[in-house]
Amino acid sequence: MLKEYYSNSYEDTFNIASDFAKTLKKGDIITFDGDLGAGKTAFVSGLAKGLGISDIVQSPTFTIVNEYRSGKIPLFHFDVYRICDSEEMYDIGFDEYLFGEGICAIEWAGNISELFDMSHYEITIYKDLDISDDFRKIVITRRNS
C-alpha cells in the first residue's frame, strides 16, 4: 500500500487528489475502484485542479472519455462502466491515450483489468455509511512497479 487517506467531504476528497496530482508525470495511469457515488469523479476533479486544468470535470459515462488539455499535462478521464469487452477500448484508440503524453484516469477499470499489466496507480474509494454519509477511505496503491 502506498497511502491511505480519510475524507469527510467532497472538498477533502478534492484536496487529497489535488495534492496527489503534484506527484504525477506524463504517462502515468490511474485506475479507480469504488461503488457508485463513492467519489471517483470528485477525485478526478481534484487531479485536474492539481494539474492546472481549469475546465469543469464531468463524468464521461456516455462519451467514455473526456479530454482536458488546458493544464501543464493533459488529463484523459475514462469511465468504462458500460464496456463489456476490452477490445472495445481499442476501437476508441485507448492505446494512443495510454502511451501518449498525458495522464489517464480510468473509472471502473476492473472491467478492462487485463489491459493493465504495466505500472499504474490503483485508487480504491470506500464508503462507510456507519460513520457518515460523507465519510470515505481512499487507498492509493502502486501496482506492477
N, C-alpha and C. Protein backbone atom coordinates (compact mmCIF):
# COMPACT_ATOMS: atom_id res chain seq x y z
N MET A 1 0.84 -1.18 0.00
CA MET A 1 0.00 0.00 0.00
C MET A 1 0.89 1.24 0.00
N LEU A 2 0.50 2.20 -0.78
CA LEU A 2 1.26 3.44 -0.87
C LEU A 2 0.79 4.42 0.20
N LYS A 3 -0.50 4.79 0.13
CA LYS A 3 -1.04 5.76 1.09
C LYS A 3 -2.50 5.47 1.36
N GLU A 4 -2.93 5.91 2.54
CA GLU A 4 -4.33 5.79 2.93
C GLU A 4 -4.78 7.13 3.49
N TYR A 5 -5.92 7.60 3.01
CA TYR A 5 -6.45 8.90 3.43
C TYR A 5 -7.89 8.72 3.90
N TYR A 6 -8.34 9.69 4.70
CA TYR A 6 -9.73 9.71 5.14
C TYR A 6 -10.34 11.05 4.75
N SER A 7 -11.53 10.97 4.18
CA SER A 7 -12.22 12.16 3.71
C SER A 7 -13.59 12.23 4.36
N ASN A 8 -13.97 13.43 4.78
CA ASN A 8 -15.29 13.64 5.36
C ASN A 8 -16.17 14.53 4.50
N SER A 9 -15.68 14.86 3.29
CA SER A 9 -16.45 15.76 2.42
C SER A 9 -15.91 15.71 0.99
N TYR A 10 -16.70 16.25 0.08
CA TYR A 10 -16.24 16.41 -1.30
C TYR A 10 -14.95 17.21 -1.33
N GLU A 11 -14.91 18.28 -0.54
CA GLU A 11 -13.74 19.16 -0.52
C GLU A 11 -12.49 18.41 -0.06
N ASP A 12 -12.64 17.55 0.96
CA ASP A 12 -11.50 16.75 1.42
C ASP A 12 -10.98 15.87 0.29
N THR A 13 -11.89 15.16 -0.38
CA THR A 13 -11.51 14.27 -1.48
C THR A 13 -10.82 15.07 -2.59
N PHE A 14 -11.40 16.20 -2.94
CA PHE A 14 -10.85 17.08 -3.98
C PHE A 14 -9.43 17.51 -3.62
N ASN A 15 -9.21 17.92 -2.37
CA ASN A 15 -7.89 18.40 -1.94
C ASN A 15 -6.86 17.28 -1.86
N ILE A 16 -7.28 16.10 -1.42
CA ILE A 16 -6.37 14.94 -1.41
C ILE A 16 -5.88 14.66 -2.83
N ALA A 17 -6.82 14.67 -3.77
CA ALA A 17 -6.49 14.40 -5.17
C ALA A 17 -5.61 15.49 -5.77
N SER A 18 -5.91 16.74 -5.44
CA SER A 18 -5.12 17.86 -5.96
C SER A 18 -3.66 17.75 -5.50
N ASP A 19 -3.46 17.38 -4.24
CA ASP A 19 -2.10 17.19 -3.73
C ASP A 19 -1.43 16.00 -4.41
N PHE A 20 -2.17 14.91 -4.59
CA PHE A 20 -1.62 13.72 -5.25
C PHE A 20 -1.20 14.03 -6.68
N ALA A 21 -1.96 14.86 -7.36
CA ALA A 21 -1.67 15.22 -8.76
C ALA A 21 -0.28 15.81 -8.91
N LYS A 22 0.20 16.48 -7.89
CA LYS A 22 1.51 17.13 -7.96
C LYS A 22 2.65 16.12 -8.02
N THR A 23 2.36 14.85 -7.73
CA THR A 23 3.39 13.80 -7.78
C THR A 23 3.39 13.06 -9.12
N LEU A 24 2.42 13.38 -9.98
CA LEU A 24 2.25 12.65 -11.24
C LEU A 24 3.10 13.22 -12.36
N LYS A 25 3.32 12.37 -13.37
CA LYS A 25 4.09 12.79 -14.55
C LYS A 25 3.41 12.24 -15.80
N LYS A 26 3.84 12.75 -16.94
CA LYS A 26 3.31 12.27 -18.22
C LYS A 26 3.43 10.75 -18.30
N GLY A 27 2.39 10.12 -18.80
CA GLY A 27 2.41 8.68 -18.97
C GLY A 27 1.86 7.90 -17.79
N ASP A 28 1.59 8.58 -16.66
CA ASP A 28 1.04 7.86 -15.51
C ASP A 28 -0.39 7.42 -15.79
N ILE A 29 -0.72 6.26 -15.23
CA ILE A 29 -2.05 5.68 -15.37
C ILE A 29 -2.61 5.50 -13.97
N ILE A 30 -3.87 5.91 -13.80
CA ILE A 30 -4.54 5.80 -12.51
C ILE A 30 -5.84 5.05 -12.74
N THR A 31 -6.03 3.95 -12.03
CA THR A 31 -7.29 3.21 -12.13
C THR A 31 -8.08 3.44 -10.84
N PHE A 32 -9.40 3.41 -10.97
CA PHE A 32 -10.28 3.66 -9.83
C PHE A 32 -11.23 2.50 -9.62
N ASP A 33 -11.48 2.22 -8.35
CA ASP A 33 -12.49 1.25 -7.95
C ASP A 33 -13.27 1.87 -6.81
N GLY A 34 -14.55 1.61 -6.78
CA GLY A 34 -15.42 2.13 -5.73
C GLY A 34 -16.86 2.06 -6.18
N ASP A 35 -17.76 2.00 -5.21
CA ASP A 35 -19.18 1.93 -5.52
C ASP A 35 -19.64 3.17 -6.27
N LEU A 36 -20.83 3.09 -6.86
CA LEU A 36 -21.46 4.27 -7.44
C LEU A 36 -21.57 5.34 -6.36
N GLY A 37 -21.19 6.55 -6.69
CA GLY A 37 -21.28 7.64 -5.73
C GLY A 37 -20.18 7.67 -4.69
N ALA A 38 -19.14 6.86 -4.87
CA ALA A 38 -18.06 6.83 -3.89
C ALA A 38 -17.19 8.07 -3.93
N GLY A 39 -17.10 8.72 -5.09
CA GLY A 39 -16.28 9.92 -5.20
C GLY A 39 -15.18 9.83 -6.23
N LYS A 40 -15.31 8.90 -7.17
CA LYS A 40 -14.28 8.75 -8.20
C LYS A 40 -14.15 10.00 -9.06
N THR A 41 -15.27 10.54 -9.52
CA THR A 41 -15.22 11.75 -10.34
C THR A 41 -14.80 12.95 -9.51
N ALA A 42 -15.17 13.00 -8.24
CA ALA A 42 -14.69 14.07 -7.36
C ALA A 42 -13.17 14.02 -7.26
N PHE A 43 -12.62 12.82 -7.17
CA PHE A 43 -11.16 12.66 -7.11
C PHE A 43 -10.53 13.15 -8.41
N VAL A 44 -11.10 12.77 -9.55
CA VAL A 44 -10.56 13.21 -10.84
C VAL A 44 -10.64 14.73 -10.96
N SER A 45 -11.69 15.34 -10.42
CA SER A 45 -11.79 16.81 -10.42
C SER A 45 -10.62 17.43 -9.67
N GLY A 46 -10.26 16.84 -8.53
CA GLY A 46 -9.11 17.32 -7.78
C GLY A 46 -7.80 17.10 -8.53
N LEU A 47 -7.68 15.97 -9.21
CA LEU A 47 -6.49 15.73 -10.05
C LEU A 47 -6.35 16.84 -11.08
N ALA A 48 -7.46 17.16 -11.74
CA ALA A 48 -7.44 18.20 -12.77
C ALA A 48 -6.96 19.52 -12.19
N LYS A 49 -7.48 19.89 -11.05
CA LYS A 49 -7.07 21.15 -10.41
C LYS A 49 -5.57 21.12 -10.10
N GLY A 50 -5.08 20.01 -9.56
CA GLY A 50 -3.67 19.88 -9.24
C GLY A 50 -2.77 19.93 -10.46
N LEU A 51 -3.31 19.58 -11.61
CA LEU A 51 -2.55 19.64 -12.87
C LEU A 51 -2.70 20.99 -13.57
N GLY A 52 -3.42 21.91 -12.93
CA GLY A 52 -3.59 23.24 -13.51
C GLY A 52 -4.68 23.32 -14.56
N ILE A 53 -5.56 22.35 -14.57
CA ILE A 53 -6.67 22.33 -15.54
C ILE A 53 -7.82 23.15 -14.98
N SER A 54 -8.31 24.08 -15.77
CA SER A 54 -9.37 24.98 -15.31
C SER A 54 -10.77 24.50 -15.72
N ASP A 55 -10.85 23.52 -16.60
CA ASP A 55 -12.15 23.02 -17.06
C ASP A 55 -12.93 22.35 -15.93
N ILE A 56 -14.25 22.37 -16.04
CA ILE A 56 -15.10 21.63 -15.11
C ILE A 56 -15.07 20.16 -15.54
N VAL A 57 -14.76 19.29 -14.59
CA VAL A 57 -14.67 17.85 -14.87
C VAL A 57 -16.05 17.23 -14.71
N GLN A 58 -16.45 16.49 -15.72
CA GLN A 58 -17.72 15.76 -15.67
C GLN A 58 -17.45 14.30 -15.99
N SER A 59 -18.28 13.44 -15.43
CA SER A 59 -18.13 12.01 -15.68
C SER A 59 -18.37 11.70 -17.15
N PRO A 60 -17.47 10.94 -17.77
CA PRO A 60 -17.64 10.58 -19.18
C PRO A 60 -18.47 9.30 -19.37
N THR A 61 -19.52 9.15 -18.58
CA THR A 61 -20.32 7.93 -18.61
C THR A 61 -20.78 7.57 -20.02
N PHE A 62 -21.24 8.55 -20.78
CA PHE A 62 -21.79 8.25 -22.10
C PHE A 62 -20.78 8.47 -23.22
N THR A 63 -19.77 9.29 -22.98
CA THR A 63 -18.76 9.55 -24.01
C THR A 63 -17.56 8.62 -23.89
N ILE A 64 -17.44 7.92 -22.80
CA ILE A 64 -16.36 7.00 -22.43
C ILE A 64 -15.07 7.74 -22.06
N VAL A 65 -14.72 8.80 -22.78
CA VAL A 65 -13.52 9.55 -22.43
C VAL A 65 -13.76 11.05 -22.60
N ASN A 66 -13.29 11.81 -21.63
CA ASN A 66 -13.24 13.27 -21.72
C ASN A 66 -11.77 13.68 -21.69
N GLU A 67 -11.41 14.60 -22.55
CA GLU A 67 -10.03 15.09 -22.62
C GLU A 67 -9.96 16.49 -22.03
N TYR A 68 -8.98 16.70 -21.17
CA TYR A 68 -8.73 18.01 -20.57
C TYR A 68 -7.29 18.39 -20.89
N ARG A 69 -7.11 19.42 -21.68
CA ARG A 69 -5.78 19.78 -22.19
C ARG A 69 -5.32 21.16 -21.76
N SER A 70 -6.05 21.82 -20.86
CA SER A 70 -5.71 23.21 -20.52
C SER A 70 -4.64 23.33 -19.44
N GLY A 71 -4.18 22.22 -18.88
CA GLY A 71 -3.18 22.27 -17.81
C GLY A 71 -1.78 21.98 -18.31
N LYS A 72 -0.87 21.79 -17.35
CA LYS A 72 0.52 21.53 -17.72
C LYS A 72 0.72 20.14 -18.32
N ILE A 73 -0.16 19.20 -17.97
CA ILE A 73 -0.15 17.85 -18.54
C ILE A 73 -1.59 17.52 -18.91
N PRO A 74 -1.85 16.99 -20.11
CA PRO A 74 -3.22 16.61 -20.46
C PRO A 74 -3.73 15.49 -19.54
N LEU A 75 -5.02 15.54 -19.27
CA LEU A 75 -5.68 14.51 -18.46
C LEU A 75 -6.77 13.87 -19.31
N PHE A 76 -6.73 12.54 -19.39
CA PHE A 76 -7.72 11.78 -20.14
C PHE A 76 -8.53 10.97 -19.13
N HIS A 77 -9.80 11.33 -18.98
CA HIS A 77 -10.68 10.75 -17.97
C HIS A 77 -11.64 9.76 -18.63
N PHE A 78 -11.49 8.50 -18.28
CA PHE A 78 -12.30 7.42 -18.84
C PHE A 78 -13.32 6.93 -17.81
N ASP A 79 -14.49 6.55 -18.29
CA ASP A 79 -15.47 5.81 -17.49
C ASP A 79 -15.84 4.58 -18.33
N VAL A 80 -15.36 3.42 -17.89
CA VAL A 80 -15.56 2.21 -18.69
C VAL A 80 -16.63 1.30 -18.07
N TYR A 81 -17.53 1.90 -17.30
CA TYR A 81 -18.61 1.15 -16.65
C TYR A 81 -19.41 0.34 -17.66
N ARG A 82 -19.67 0.90 -18.82
CA ARG A 82 -20.52 0.25 -19.82
C ARG A 82 -19.73 -0.62 -20.81
N ILE A 83 -18.43 -0.70 -20.65
CA ILE A 83 -17.60 -1.52 -21.55
C ILE A 83 -17.68 -2.98 -21.11
N CYS A 84 -18.02 -3.84 -22.04
CA CYS A 84 -18.16 -5.28 -21.74
C CYS A 84 -16.95 -6.09 -22.19
N ASP A 85 -16.20 -5.55 -23.12
CA ASP A 85 -15.09 -6.28 -23.73
C ASP A 85 -13.94 -5.30 -23.93
N SER A 86 -12.77 -5.67 -23.46
CA SER A 86 -11.63 -4.76 -23.57
C SER A 86 -11.30 -4.40 -25.02
N GLU A 87 -11.70 -5.23 -25.96
CA GLU A 87 -11.48 -4.91 -27.38
C GLU A 87 -12.16 -3.60 -27.78
N GLU A 88 -13.28 -3.29 -27.11
CA GLU A 88 -13.99 -2.03 -27.39
C GLU A 88 -13.09 -0.83 -27.13
N MET A 89 -12.17 -0.97 -26.20
CA MET A 89 -11.28 0.15 -25.85
C MET A 89 -10.35 0.48 -27.02
N TYR A 90 -9.92 -0.53 -27.73
CA TYR A 90 -9.04 -0.28 -28.87
C TYR A 90 -9.78 0.42 -30.01
N ASP A 91 -11.10 0.21 -30.07
CA ASP A 91 -11.91 0.88 -31.09
C ASP A 91 -11.93 2.40 -30.89
N ILE A 92 -11.73 2.85 -29.65
CA ILE A 92 -11.72 4.30 -29.39
C ILE A 92 -10.30 4.86 -29.31
N GLY A 93 -9.32 4.03 -29.63
CA GLY A 93 -7.93 4.50 -29.62
C GLY A 93 -7.29 4.53 -28.25
N PHE A 94 -7.73 3.63 -27.36
CA PHE A 94 -7.24 3.60 -25.98
C PHE A 94 -5.73 3.53 -25.89
N ASP A 95 -5.11 2.73 -26.75
CA ASP A 95 -3.65 2.58 -26.69
C ASP A 95 -2.94 3.89 -26.99
N GLU A 96 -3.53 4.73 -27.82
CA GLU A 96 -2.93 6.04 -28.10
C GLU A 96 -2.96 6.94 -26.87
N TYR A 97 -4.02 6.82 -26.08
CA TYR A 97 -4.09 7.58 -24.83
C TYR A 97 -3.08 7.02 -23.82
N LEU A 98 -3.05 5.69 -23.69
CA LEU A 98 -2.18 5.04 -22.71
C LEU A 98 -0.71 5.37 -22.92
N PHE A 99 -0.30 5.41 -24.17
CA PHE A 99 1.11 5.62 -24.47
C PHE A 99 1.37 7.02 -25.02
N GLY A 100 0.45 7.93 -24.73
CA GLY A 100 0.56 9.31 -25.19
C GLY A 100 1.26 10.20 -24.18
N GLU A 101 1.01 11.47 -24.28
CA GLU A 101 1.71 12.49 -23.49
C GLU A 101 0.95 12.95 -22.26
N GLY A 102 -0.14 12.26 -21.92
CA GLY A 102 -0.95 12.72 -20.80
C GLY A 102 -1.00 11.72 -19.67
N ILE A 103 -1.94 11.96 -18.77
CA ILE A 103 -2.23 11.09 -17.64
C ILE A 103 -3.61 10.49 -17.90
N CYS A 104 -3.74 9.18 -17.72
CA CYS A 104 -5.03 8.51 -17.89
C CYS A 104 -5.63 8.20 -16.52
N ALA A 105 -6.86 8.64 -16.30
CA ALA A 105 -7.61 8.34 -15.08
C ALA A 105 -8.81 7.51 -15.52
N ILE A 106 -8.90 6.27 -15.02
CA ILE A 106 -9.85 5.30 -15.56
C ILE A 106 -10.77 4.78 -14.47
N GLU A 107 -12.04 5.22 -14.51
CA GLU A 107 -13.04 4.73 -13.58
C GLU A 107 -13.55 3.37 -14.05
N TRP A 108 -13.85 2.49 -13.09
CA TRP A 108 -14.36 1.15 -13.37
C TRP A 108 -13.35 0.31 -14.16
N ALA A 109 -12.08 0.50 -13.87
CA ALA A 109 -11.02 -0.18 -14.61
C ALA A 109 -11.06 -1.69 -14.47
N GLY A 110 -11.73 -2.19 -13.45
CA GLY A 110 -11.88 -3.63 -13.29
C GLY A 110 -12.54 -4.29 -14.49
N ASN A 111 -13.33 -3.53 -15.23
CA ASN A 111 -13.99 -4.06 -16.43
C ASN A 111 -13.00 -4.37 -17.55
N ILE A 112 -11.82 -3.77 -17.48
CA ILE A 112 -10.80 -3.99 -18.52
C ILE A 112 -9.45 -4.31 -17.87
N SER A 113 -9.48 -4.98 -16.74
CA SER A 113 -8.26 -5.20 -15.94
C SER A 113 -7.16 -5.93 -16.70
N GLU A 114 -7.51 -6.73 -17.69
CA GLU A 114 -6.48 -7.46 -18.43
C GLU A 114 -5.58 -6.53 -19.23
N LEU A 115 -5.97 -5.27 -19.36
CA LEU A 115 -5.15 -4.30 -20.09
C LEU A 115 -4.09 -3.63 -19.22
N PHE A 116 -4.06 -3.95 -17.92
CA PHE A 116 -3.17 -3.23 -17.01
C PHE A 116 -2.08 -4.11 -16.43
N ASP A 117 -1.20 -4.60 -17.30
CA ASP A 117 -0.05 -5.33 -16.81
C ASP A 117 1.14 -4.40 -16.62
N MET A 118 0.95 -3.12 -16.97
CA MET A 118 2.02 -2.13 -16.80
C MET A 118 1.86 -1.44 -15.44
N SER A 119 2.88 -0.70 -15.07
CA SER A 119 2.86 0.03 -13.81
C SER A 119 1.75 1.07 -13.81
N HIS A 120 1.01 1.14 -12.71
CA HIS A 120 -0.06 2.13 -12.58
C HIS A 120 -0.42 2.34 -11.11
N TYR A 121 -1.11 3.42 -10.86
CA TYR A 121 -1.68 3.67 -9.53
C TYR A 121 -3.09 3.10 -9.50
N GLU A 122 -3.42 2.45 -8.40
CA GLU A 122 -4.77 1.95 -8.21
C GLU A 122 -5.36 2.70 -7.01
N ILE A 123 -6.48 3.37 -7.23
CA ILE A 123 -7.13 4.12 -6.16
C ILE A 123 -8.47 3.46 -5.88
N THR A 124 -8.65 3.04 -4.64
CA THR A 124 -9.91 2.45 -4.20
C THR A 124 -10.53 3.40 -3.19
N ILE A 125 -11.80 3.72 -3.42
CA ILE A 125 -12.53 4.62 -2.53
C ILE A 125 -13.65 3.83 -1.88
N TYR A 126 -13.59 3.76 -0.55
CA TYR A 126 -14.58 3.02 0.23
C TYR A 126 -15.51 3.99 0.93
N LYS A 127 -16.81 3.72 0.86
CA LYS A 127 -17.79 4.46 1.64
C LYS A 127 -18.04 3.68 2.93
N ASP A 128 -18.24 4.39 4.03
CA ASP A 128 -18.64 3.75 5.28
C ASP A 128 -19.81 4.53 5.85
N LEU A 129 -21.00 4.11 5.49
CA LEU A 129 -22.21 4.82 5.89
C LEU A 129 -22.48 4.69 7.39
N ASP A 130 -21.82 3.73 8.07
CA ASP A 130 -21.96 3.63 9.52
C ASP A 130 -21.29 4.81 10.21
N ILE A 131 -20.26 5.35 9.58
CA ILE A 131 -19.58 6.53 10.14
C ILE A 131 -20.35 7.78 9.77
N SER A 132 -20.57 7.99 8.46
CA SER A 132 -21.41 9.10 7.98
C SER A 132 -21.64 8.93 6.49
N ASP A 133 -22.62 9.65 5.96
CA ASP A 133 -22.91 9.59 4.53
C ASP A 133 -21.74 10.09 3.69
N ASP A 134 -20.93 10.97 4.25
CA ASP A 134 -19.85 11.61 3.50
C ASP A 134 -18.47 10.99 3.73
N PHE A 135 -18.35 10.08 4.69
CA PHE A 135 -17.04 9.52 5.01
C PHE A 135 -16.54 8.60 3.89
N ARG A 136 -15.26 8.78 3.54
CA ARG A 136 -14.60 7.93 2.56
C ARG A 136 -13.20 7.56 3.06
N LYS A 137 -12.82 6.32 2.78
CA LYS A 137 -11.42 5.90 2.96
C LYS A 137 -10.86 5.76 1.55
N ILE A 138 -9.75 6.43 1.29
CA ILE A 138 -9.12 6.44 -0.03
C ILE A 138 -7.77 5.75 0.09
N VAL A 139 -7.61 4.66 -0.65
CA VAL A 139 -6.36 3.89 -0.61
C VAL A 139 -5.69 3.99 -1.98
N ILE A 140 -4.46 4.47 -1.97
CA ILE A 140 -3.68 4.61 -3.21
C ILE A 140 -2.54 3.60 -3.16
N THR A 141 -2.51 2.72 -4.16
CA THR A 141 -1.52 1.66 -4.24
C THR A 141 -0.80 1.74 -5.58
N ARG A 142 0.48 1.46 -5.57
CA ARG A 142 1.24 1.39 -6.82
C ARG A 142 1.29 -0.08 -7.24
N ARG A 143 0.88 -0.40 -8.45
CA ARG A 143 0.84 -1.77 -8.96
C ARG A 143 1.87 -1.97 -10.06
N ASN A 144 2.45 -3.16 -10.09
CA ASN A 144 3.39 -3.58 -11.15
C ASN A 144 4.54 -2.61 -11.34
N SER A 145 4.98 -1.99 -10.26
CA SER A 145 6.08 -1.02 -10.40
C SER A 145 7.43 -1.68 -10.30
